[in-house]
Amino acid sequence: MPKQIITSKSAPTTGFTEASKPPPIVQAIRFGNMLFVSGQGPLDPETKTVVQGGIEEQTRRTLQNLQSVLEAAGATFANVVNMRVILRDTSDFPKFNEVFREILDGEKVTRTCVGGTPHRTGVNVEIDCVAMFD
């Protein structure tokens, strides 16, 4: 069974890779009934710059980018079974969780949230996920 590469113009690709060197990653891969979405961050899809504002704005943009990739694969947050979240500052968790709850609008997922240092300056949240299809 071949891997199917999924891309969305409504979400940034890598944004930090030199244009002359294609990145070794893709936004998502569908393999059978599973979809693996690469980590998304708070980058504007057009400018590939970090959105302005605090953790709330960054979380909202990150989840919008994730949603765009899911939609490109024919999925929604209802298909997501697992999310992994990296927060630069774990004291942001309550504000992050408020926006997470708002955007997911009642959908339930398993989730791991850890503190870490995303590789791009100014990025305070990164989220990846795994989704399933019937």
N, C-alpha and C. Protein backbone atom coordinates (compact mmCIF):
# COMPACT_ATOMS: atom_id res chain seq x y z
N MET A 1 0.85 -1.17 0.00
CA MET A 1 0.00 0.00 0.00
C MET A 1 0.90 1.24 0.00
N PRO A 2 0.73 2.13 -0.99
CA PRO A 2 1.58 3.32 -1.06
C PRO A 2 1.15 4.42 -0.09
N LYS A 3 2.10 5.24 0.29
CA LYS A 3 1.81 6.43 1.10
C LYS A 3 1.25 7.50 0.18
N GLN A 4 0.28 8.25 0.67
CA GLN A 4 -0.27 9.36 -0.08
C GLN A 4 0.13 10.65 0.63
N ILE A 5 0.84 11.52 -0.07
CA ILE A 5 1.27 12.79 0.51
C ILE A 5 0.13 13.79 0.40
N ILE A 6 -0.16 14.45 1.52
CA ILE A 6 -1.24 15.43 1.60
C ILE A 6 -0.63 16.81 1.78
N THR A 7 -1.12 17.78 0.99
CA THR A 7 -0.66 19.16 1.17
C THR A 7 -1.86 20.10 1.12
N SER A 8 -1.72 21.22 1.80
CA SER A 8 -2.74 22.25 1.81
C SER A 8 -2.07 23.61 1.64
N LYS A 9 -2.57 24.38 0.71
CA LYS A 9 -2.05 25.74 0.53
C LYS A 9 -2.57 26.67 1.62
N SER A 10 -3.56 26.20 2.39
CA SER A 10 -4.15 27.01 3.47
C SER A 10 -3.38 26.85 4.78
N ALA A 11 -2.31 26.08 4.75
CA ALA A 11 -1.44 25.92 5.92
C ALA A 11 -0.01 26.07 5.42
N PRO A 12 0.86 26.62 6.26
CA PRO A 12 2.25 26.79 5.81
C PRO A 12 2.93 25.45 5.63
N THR A 13 3.85 25.40 4.69
CA THR A 13 4.69 24.20 4.59
C THR A 13 5.72 24.35 5.69
N THR A 14 6.96 24.40 5.38
CA THR A 14 7.92 24.52 6.47
C THR A 14 8.24 25.95 6.80
N GLY A 15 8.25 26.84 5.82
CA GLY A 15 8.42 28.25 6.08
C GLY A 15 9.81 28.66 6.54
N PHE A 16 10.61 27.73 6.99
CA PHE A 16 11.93 28.07 7.51
C PHE A 16 13.02 27.31 6.77
N THR A 17 12.64 26.64 5.69
CA THR A 17 13.60 25.88 4.90
C THR A 17 14.03 26.73 3.71
N GLU A 18 15.30 26.66 3.38
CA GLU A 18 15.79 27.39 2.22
C GLU A 18 15.03 26.93 0.98
N ALA A 19 14.60 27.89 0.18
CA ALA A 19 13.81 27.57 -1.02
C ALA A 19 14.56 26.65 -1.98
N SER A 20 15.88 26.72 -1.99
CA SER A 20 16.65 25.91 -2.91
C SER A 20 16.78 24.45 -2.45
N LYS A 21 16.41 24.19 -1.20
CA LYS A 21 16.51 22.83 -0.67
C LYS A 21 15.14 22.36 -0.21
N PRO A 22 14.50 21.48 -0.98
CA PRO A 22 13.18 20.99 -0.54
C PRO A 22 13.30 20.31 0.82
N PRO A 23 12.31 20.52 1.68
CA PRO A 23 12.37 19.90 3.01
C PRO A 23 12.19 18.39 2.93
N PRO A 24 12.74 17.68 3.89
CA PRO A 24 12.60 16.22 3.89
C PRO A 24 11.30 15.77 4.55
N ILE A 25 10.37 16.72 4.77
CA ILE A 25 9.10 16.40 5.42
C ILE A 25 7.95 16.93 4.59
N VAL A 26 6.75 16.44 4.88
CA VAL A 26 5.53 16.90 4.23
C VAL A 26 4.52 17.26 5.30
N GLN A 27 3.45 17.95 4.90
CA GLN A 27 2.43 18.33 5.87
C GLN A 27 1.73 17.11 6.47
N ALA A 28 1.43 16.13 5.64
CA ALA A 28 0.75 14.93 6.15
C ALA A 28 0.97 13.76 5.20
N ILE A 29 0.81 12.58 5.74
CA ILE A 29 0.85 11.35 4.95
C ILE A 29 -0.35 10.50 5.36
N ARG A 30 -1.09 10.07 4.34
CA ARG A 30 -2.16 9.11 4.58
C ARG A 30 -1.62 7.74 4.20
N PHE A 31 -1.81 6.80 5.09
CA PHE A 31 -1.38 5.43 4.86
C PHE A 31 -2.54 4.54 5.27
N GLY A 32 -3.23 3.97 4.29
CA GLY A 32 -4.42 3.19 4.59
C GLY A 32 -5.48 4.08 5.21
N ASN A 33 -5.98 3.66 6.37
CA ASN A 33 -7.03 4.46 7.02
C ASN A 33 -6.46 5.40 8.08
N MET A 34 -5.15 5.61 8.05
CA MET A 34 -4.52 6.49 9.03
C MET A 34 -3.92 7.72 8.36
N LEU A 35 -3.99 8.85 9.07
CA LEU A 35 -3.41 10.10 8.60
C LEU A 35 -2.47 10.62 9.67
N PHE A 36 -1.24 10.89 9.30
CA PHE A 36 -0.23 11.43 10.20
C PHE A 36 0.08 12.85 9.76
N VAL A 37 -0.23 13.81 10.63
CA VAL A 37 -0.03 15.22 10.30
C VAL A 37 1.20 15.75 11.02
N SER A 38 2.12 16.33 10.26
CA SER A 38 3.33 16.93 10.83
C SER A 38 2.97 18.07 11.76
N GLY A 39 3.90 18.37 12.66
CA GLY A 39 3.69 19.46 13.60
C GLY A 39 3.38 20.77 12.89
N GLN A 40 2.34 21.42 13.35
CA GLN A 40 1.95 22.72 12.84
C GLN A 40 2.21 23.75 13.93
N GLY A 41 2.56 24.94 13.51
CA GLY A 41 2.82 26.02 14.46
C GLY A 41 2.03 27.25 14.08
N PRO A 42 2.27 28.35 14.78
CA PRO A 42 1.49 29.57 14.58
C PRO A 42 2.01 30.45 13.45
N LEU A 43 2.20 29.85 12.29
CA LEU A 43 2.71 30.60 11.15
C LEU A 43 1.58 31.00 10.22
N ASP A 44 1.62 32.24 9.76
CA ASP A 44 0.67 32.69 8.76
C ASP A 44 0.97 31.91 7.47
N PRO A 45 -0.04 31.30 6.85
CA PRO A 45 0.20 30.48 5.66
C PRO A 45 0.81 31.25 4.49
N GLU A 46 0.50 32.54 4.37
CA GLU A 46 1.01 33.31 3.24
C GLU A 46 2.40 33.87 3.49
N THR A 47 2.60 34.48 4.65
CA THR A 47 3.88 35.14 4.93
C THR A 47 4.89 34.20 5.59
N LYS A 48 4.40 33.10 6.14
CA LYS A 48 5.24 32.13 6.86
C LYS A 48 5.97 32.78 8.04
N THR A 49 5.34 33.82 8.58
CA THR A 49 5.87 34.46 9.78
C THR A 49 5.00 34.10 10.96
N VAL A 50 5.56 34.18 12.16
CA VAL A 50 4.84 33.87 13.38
C VAL A 50 3.77 34.93 13.61
N VAL A 51 2.54 34.50 13.90
CA VAL A 51 1.46 35.46 14.15
C VAL A 51 1.76 36.26 15.40
N GLN A 52 1.28 37.49 15.41
CA GLN A 52 1.47 38.36 16.56
C GLN A 52 0.47 38.02 17.65
N GLY A 53 0.83 38.30 18.89
CA GLY A 53 -0.08 38.08 20.00
C GLY A 53 0.47 37.04 20.95
N GLY A 54 -0.35 36.69 21.92
CA GLY A 54 0.05 35.75 22.95
C GLY A 54 -0.28 34.31 22.60
N ILE A 55 -0.29 33.48 23.60
CA ILE A 55 -0.52 32.05 23.40
C ILE A 55 -1.90 31.78 22.81
N GLU A 56 -2.89 32.60 23.13
CA GLU A 56 -4.22 32.39 22.57
C GLU A 56 -4.21 32.51 21.05
N GLU A 57 -3.62 33.59 20.54
CA GLU A 57 -3.55 33.80 19.09
C GLU A 57 -2.70 32.72 18.43
N GLN A 58 -1.59 32.36 19.07
CA GLN A 58 -0.73 31.33 18.50
C GLN A 58 -1.43 29.97 18.48
N THR A 59 -2.16 29.64 19.52
CA THR A 59 -2.89 28.37 19.55
C THR A 59 -3.97 28.34 18.49
N ARG A 60 -4.70 29.43 18.37
CA ARG A 60 -5.77 29.51 17.37
C ARG A 60 -5.20 29.30 15.96
N ARG A 61 -4.12 30.01 15.62
CA ARG A 61 -3.53 29.87 14.28
C ARG A 61 -2.98 28.46 14.06
N THR A 62 -2.36 27.90 15.09
CA THR A 62 -1.80 26.55 14.98
C THR A 62 -2.91 25.54 14.69
N LEU A 63 -4.02 25.64 15.43
CA LEU A 63 -5.13 24.71 15.21
C LEU A 63 -5.81 24.96 13.86
N GLN A 64 -5.86 26.21 13.40
CA GLN A 64 -6.41 26.49 12.07
C GLN A 64 -5.53 25.85 11.00
N ASN A 65 -4.21 25.93 11.18
CA ASN A 65 -3.30 25.30 10.21
C ASN A 65 -3.48 23.79 10.22
N LEU A 66 -3.60 23.21 11.40
CA LEU A 66 -3.82 21.77 11.52
C LEU A 66 -5.14 21.38 10.84
N GLN A 67 -6.18 22.17 11.07
CA GLN A 67 -7.48 21.90 10.48
C GLN A 67 -7.41 21.97 8.94
N SER A 68 -6.64 22.90 8.41
CA SER A 68 -6.49 23.02 6.96
C SER A 68 -5.86 21.78 6.36
N VAL A 69 -4.87 21.23 7.02
CA VAL A 69 -4.22 20.01 6.53
C VAL A 69 -5.20 18.83 6.63
N LEU A 70 -5.91 18.75 7.75
CA LEU A 70 -6.92 17.69 7.90
C LEU A 70 -7.95 17.76 6.76
N GLU A 71 -8.44 18.96 6.48
CA GLU A 71 -9.44 19.15 5.43
C GLU A 71 -8.90 18.76 4.06
N ALA A 72 -7.62 19.03 3.81
CA ALA A 72 -7.01 18.65 2.53
C ALA A 72 -7.02 17.13 2.35
N ALA A 73 -7.05 16.41 3.46
CA ALA A 73 -7.09 14.95 3.43
C ALA A 73 -8.51 14.41 3.50
N GLY A 74 -9.50 15.32 3.59
CA GLY A 74 -10.89 14.88 3.71
C GLY A 74 -11.28 14.53 5.13
N ALA A 75 -10.58 15.11 6.10
CA ALA A 75 -10.83 14.82 7.51
C ALA A 75 -11.20 16.09 8.27
N THR A 76 -11.64 15.89 9.50
CA THR A 76 -11.93 16.99 10.41
C THR A 76 -11.37 16.60 11.77
N PHE A 77 -11.57 17.46 12.76
CA PHE A 77 -11.14 17.11 14.11
C PHE A 77 -11.88 15.88 14.63
N ALA A 78 -13.04 15.56 14.05
CA ALA A 78 -13.77 14.35 14.44
C ALA A 78 -12.98 13.08 14.11
N ASN A 79 -12.08 13.15 13.14
CA ASN A 79 -11.27 11.99 12.76
C ASN A 79 -10.02 11.84 13.62
N VAL A 80 -9.66 12.88 14.36
CA VAL A 80 -8.42 12.87 15.13
C VAL A 80 -8.55 11.96 16.35
N VAL A 81 -7.56 11.10 16.52
CA VAL A 81 -7.54 10.21 17.69
C VAL A 81 -6.46 10.60 18.68
N ASN A 82 -5.43 11.29 18.22
CA ASN A 82 -4.35 11.65 19.12
C ASN A 82 -3.70 12.95 18.68
N MET A 83 -3.37 13.79 19.66
CA MET A 83 -2.62 15.02 19.41
C MET A 83 -1.45 15.09 20.37
N ARG A 84 -0.37 15.65 19.87
CA ARG A 84 0.80 15.90 20.70
C ARG A 84 1.07 17.40 20.64
N VAL A 85 1.19 18.01 21.83
CA VAL A 85 1.35 19.45 21.96
C VAL A 85 2.68 19.75 22.64
N ILE A 86 3.40 20.72 22.10
CA ILE A 86 4.61 21.22 22.74
C ILE A 86 4.37 22.69 23.06
N LEU A 87 4.49 23.03 24.33
CA LEU A 87 4.38 24.42 24.77
C LEU A 87 5.75 24.91 25.23
N ARG A 88 6.16 26.05 24.75
CA ARG A 88 7.43 26.62 25.18
C ARG A 88 7.38 26.91 26.68
N ASP A 89 6.25 27.42 27.16
CA ASP A 89 6.10 27.77 28.57
C ASP A 89 4.85 27.06 29.10
N THR A 90 5.04 26.08 29.96
CA THR A 90 3.90 25.30 30.45
C THR A 90 2.95 26.13 31.31
N SER A 91 3.37 27.29 31.77
CA SER A 91 2.43 28.15 32.51
C SER A 91 1.35 28.71 31.57
N ASP A 92 1.55 28.58 30.24
CA ASP A 92 0.54 28.98 29.26
C ASP A 92 -0.57 27.96 29.11
N PHE A 93 -0.44 26.80 29.76
CA PHE A 93 -1.39 25.71 29.56
C PHE A 93 -2.85 26.12 29.76
N PRO A 94 -3.23 26.82 30.83
CA PRO A 94 -4.65 27.17 30.98
C PRO A 94 -5.21 27.99 29.81
N LYS A 95 -4.46 28.96 29.34
CA LYS A 95 -4.92 29.78 28.21
C LYS A 95 -4.94 28.94 26.92
N PHE A 96 -3.91 28.12 26.73
CA PHE A 96 -3.87 27.21 25.58
C PHE A 96 -5.11 26.32 25.59
N ASN A 97 -5.40 25.74 26.74
CA ASN A 97 -6.50 24.78 26.85
C ASN A 97 -7.86 25.42 26.58
N GLU A 98 -8.03 26.69 26.95
CA GLU A 98 -9.29 27.40 26.65
C GLU A 98 -9.52 27.47 25.15
N VAL A 99 -8.49 27.86 24.40
CA VAL A 99 -8.62 27.96 22.95
C VAL A 99 -8.78 26.58 22.33
N PHE A 100 -8.03 25.61 22.83
CA PHE A 100 -8.12 24.23 22.35
C PHE A 100 -9.57 23.74 22.47
N ARG A 101 -10.15 23.94 23.64
CA ARG A 101 -11.53 23.52 23.90
C ARG A 101 -12.50 24.24 22.94
N GLU A 102 -12.29 25.53 22.74
CA GLU A 102 -13.15 26.32 21.85
C GLU A 102 -13.08 25.80 20.41
N ILE A 103 -11.89 25.60 19.90
CA ILE A 103 -11.72 25.20 18.50
C ILE A 103 -12.20 23.77 18.27
N LEU A 104 -11.92 22.86 19.19
CA LEU A 104 -12.35 21.47 19.00
C LEU A 104 -13.85 21.31 19.23
N ASP A 105 -14.49 22.26 19.87
CA ASP A 105 -15.94 22.34 19.96
C ASP A 105 -16.59 21.00 20.33
N GLY A 106 -16.11 20.41 21.41
CA GLY A 106 -16.73 19.19 21.92
C GLY A 106 -16.12 17.90 21.43
N GLU A 107 -15.27 17.95 20.40
CA GLU A 107 -14.60 16.72 19.95
C GLU A 107 -13.65 16.24 21.03
N LYS A 108 -13.55 14.94 21.18
CA LYS A 108 -12.65 14.34 22.17
C LYS A 108 -11.49 13.66 21.46
N VAL A 109 -10.29 13.89 21.98
CA VAL A 109 -9.09 13.26 21.45
C VAL A 109 -8.22 12.84 22.63
N THR A 110 -7.28 11.95 22.37
CA THR A 110 -6.23 11.75 23.37
C THR A 110 -5.19 12.81 23.09
N ARG A 111 -4.50 13.22 24.15
CA ARG A 111 -3.55 14.32 23.96
C ARG A 111 -2.42 14.20 24.96
N THR A 112 -1.23 14.49 24.50
CA THR A 112 -0.07 14.65 25.36
C THR A 112 0.39 16.09 25.20
N CYS A 113 0.65 16.74 26.32
CA CYS A 113 1.12 18.12 26.29
C CYS A 113 2.39 18.20 27.12
N VAL A 114 3.47 18.61 26.50
CA VAL A 114 4.75 18.70 27.19
C VAL A 114 5.36 20.08 26.99
N GLY A 115 6.25 20.42 27.90
CA GLY A 115 7.03 21.63 27.75
C GLY A 115 8.26 21.34 26.93
N GLY A 116 8.61 22.25 26.08
CA GLY A 116 9.79 22.07 25.24
C GLY A 116 10.10 23.37 24.53
N THR A 117 11.12 23.35 23.73
CA THR A 117 11.51 24.55 23.01
C THR A 117 11.37 24.31 21.52
N PRO A 118 10.25 24.78 20.93
CA PRO A 118 10.15 24.69 19.48
C PRO A 118 11.37 25.35 18.83
N HIS A 119 11.76 24.83 17.68
CA HIS A 119 13.02 25.23 17.05
C HIS A 119 13.01 26.62 16.45
N ARG A 120 11.86 27.26 16.33
CA ARG A 120 11.82 28.58 15.70
C ARG A 120 11.56 29.65 16.75
N THR A 121 12.35 30.69 16.73
CA THR A 121 12.19 31.80 17.66
C THR A 121 10.79 32.38 17.54
N GLY A 122 10.16 32.62 18.68
CA GLY A 122 8.83 33.22 18.71
C GLY A 122 7.69 32.23 18.67
N VAL A 123 7.97 30.98 18.33
CA VAL A 123 6.94 29.95 18.31
C VAL A 123 6.77 29.42 19.73
N ASN A 124 5.54 29.53 20.23
CA ASN A 124 5.28 29.11 21.61
C ASN A 124 4.43 27.85 21.70
N VAL A 125 3.96 27.34 20.56
CA VAL A 125 3.15 26.12 20.55
C VAL A 125 3.34 25.40 19.22
N GLU A 126 3.37 24.08 19.27
CA GLU A 126 3.40 23.24 18.08
C GLU A 126 2.53 22.03 18.36
N ILE A 127 1.75 21.61 17.36
CA ILE A 127 0.83 20.49 17.54
C ILE A 127 0.90 19.59 16.31
N ASP A 128 1.00 18.27 16.57
CA ASP A 128 0.84 17.30 15.48
C ASP A 128 -0.31 16.38 15.85
N CYS A 129 -0.73 15.53 14.91
CA CYS A 129 -1.83 14.63 15.24
C CYS A 129 -1.84 13.40 14.35
N VAL A 130 -2.65 12.44 14.80
CA VAL A 130 -2.95 11.23 14.04
C VAL A 130 -4.46 11.16 13.92
N ALA A 131 -4.93 10.91 12.71
CA ALA A 131 -6.38 10.78 12.48
C ALA A 131 -6.65 9.43 11.81
N MET A 132 -7.88 8.98 11.94
CA MET A 132 -8.31 7.70 11.37
C MET A 132 -9.52 7.92 10.48
N PHE A 133 -9.62 7.10 9.43
CA PHE A 133 -10.77 7.10 8.55
C PHE A 133 -11.47 5.75 8.70
N ASP A 134 -12.79 5.75 8.44
CA ASP A 134 -13.55 4.48 8.49
C ASP A 134 -13.17 3.58 7.35
